[in-house]
Protein backbone atom coordinates (compact mmCIF):
# COMPACT_ATOMS: atom_id res chain seq x y z
CA MET A 1 115.48 153.29 132.31
CA TYR A 2 118.66 152.87 130.09
CA ALA A 3 118.63 156.16 128.40
CA LEU A 4 118.96 158.08 132.50
CA THR A 5 121.87 155.55 133.23
CA THR A 6 123.31 152.30 132.13
CA GLN A 7 123.57 150.44 134.97
CA VAL A 8 119.80 149.59 135.40
CA ASN A 9 119.26 146.71 137.77
CA THR A 10 117.55 143.69 136.65
CA GLY A 11 114.47 143.01 138.75
CA THR A 12 113.40 146.61 138.45
CA LEU A 13 113.51 146.15 134.56
CA ARG A 14 111.75 143.36 135.38
CA GLU A 15 108.82 144.58 137.20
CA THR A 16 109.00 147.38 135.28
CA PHE A 17 108.06 145.52 132.11
CA PHE A 18 105.32 143.50 134.06
CA LEU A 19 103.72 146.39 135.85
CA ASN A 20 103.62 148.63 132.19
CA GLN A 21 102.32 145.46 130.84
CA MET A 22 99.43 144.98 133.34
CA LEU A 23 98.16 149.23 133.09
CA CYS A 24 96.84 148.44 130.38
CA ASN A 25 93.93 146.86 130.77
CA HIS A 26 93.74 145.86 134.69
CA GLU A 27 94.13 147.15 137.76
CA VAL A 28 97.33 145.90 140.18
CA CYS A 29 98.50 147.19 143.49
CA TYR A 30 101.48 146.34 145.34
CA PRO A 31 100.79 143.68 148.21
CA LYS A 32 102.03 143.20 151.30
CA GLN A 33 103.26 139.72 150.23
CA GLY A 34 104.29 138.46 146.38
CA ASP A 35 105.71 141.38 144.06
CA PHE A 36 102.23 142.36 142.50
CA LEU A 37 98.25 141.85 142.85
CA VAL A 38 96.62 141.88 140.04
CA ASP A 39 92.35 142.60 139.88
CA GLN A 40 92.73 142.15 143.93
CA LYS A 41 92.56 138.26 143.04
CA TYR A 42 95.45 137.17 140.83
CA LEU A 43 99.07 137.48 143.35
CA PHE A 44 101.92 137.68 141.10
CA GLU A 45 106.46 137.53 141.45
CA VAL A 46 108.59 138.59 138.77
CA GLY A 47 112.09 137.49 138.91
CA GLY A 48 114.45 135.42 137.09
CA LYS A 49 114.27 131.91 135.47
CA ASN A 50 115.51 130.22 139.07
CA LYS A 51 113.39 132.46 141.11
CA THR A 52 111.00 129.46 143.32
CA PHE A 53 107.21 130.40 144.88
CA GLU A 54 108.76 130.22 147.87
CA GLN A 55 108.00 134.16 149.11
CA ILE A 56 104.23 133.03 147.38
CA LYS A 57 103.98 129.34 148.10
CA ASP A 58 101.17 129.35 150.43
CA VAL A 59 98.46 131.74 148.45
CA GLU A 60 96.08 130.39 146.43
CA GLU A 61 96.06 132.45 143.02
CA SER A 62 100.09 132.84 143.02
CA PHE A 63 102.06 133.50 139.99
CA LEU A 64 105.30 133.75 138.85
CA ALA A 65 106.47 135.50 135.50
CA VAL A 66 109.53 134.56 135.44
CA ASP A 67 112.39 136.54 132.14
CA GLY A 68 115.09 134.37 130.71
CA ILE A 69 112.89 130.81 130.18
CA GLU A 70 110.76 129.94 126.23
CA ILE A 71 108.72 128.12 127.87
CA GLY A 72 106.32 127.77 130.94
CA SER A 73 104.38 125.13 133.35
CA ARG A 74 101.48 125.42 135.13
CA SER A 75 101.95 128.96 137.36
CA ARG A 76 105.50 129.60 135.99
CA ILE A 77 104.64 132.24 133.85
CA PRO A 78 107.51 133.47 131.49
CA LEU A 79 107.67 137.15 131.66
CA TRP A 80 107.95 138.27 127.45
CA MET A 81 104.00 136.94 127.15
CA PHE A 82 102.88 139.05 128.80
CA GLY A 83 103.71 141.76 126.45
CA MET A 84 101.20 140.37 124.38
CA LEU A 85 98.95 142.03 126.49
CA TYR A 86 99.24 145.18 125.20
């Protein structure tokens, strides 16, 4: 992204990273709610450290992939950890 422009949208960068990492071994779709549906089962919302579950609060098997944190808890997973899937 940085090779194409000097003004990269942070949200787009996060979502592109997440999608790139998940596509190596998983089926990923764009759902009506949340950002990504993985393997027709797990719903992910991608965002910064202040991201909340508000958009996916009523969905079972939903998770936050959060940038800007080192350690996750419960359904809040640090975004960098998805880099280990590749």
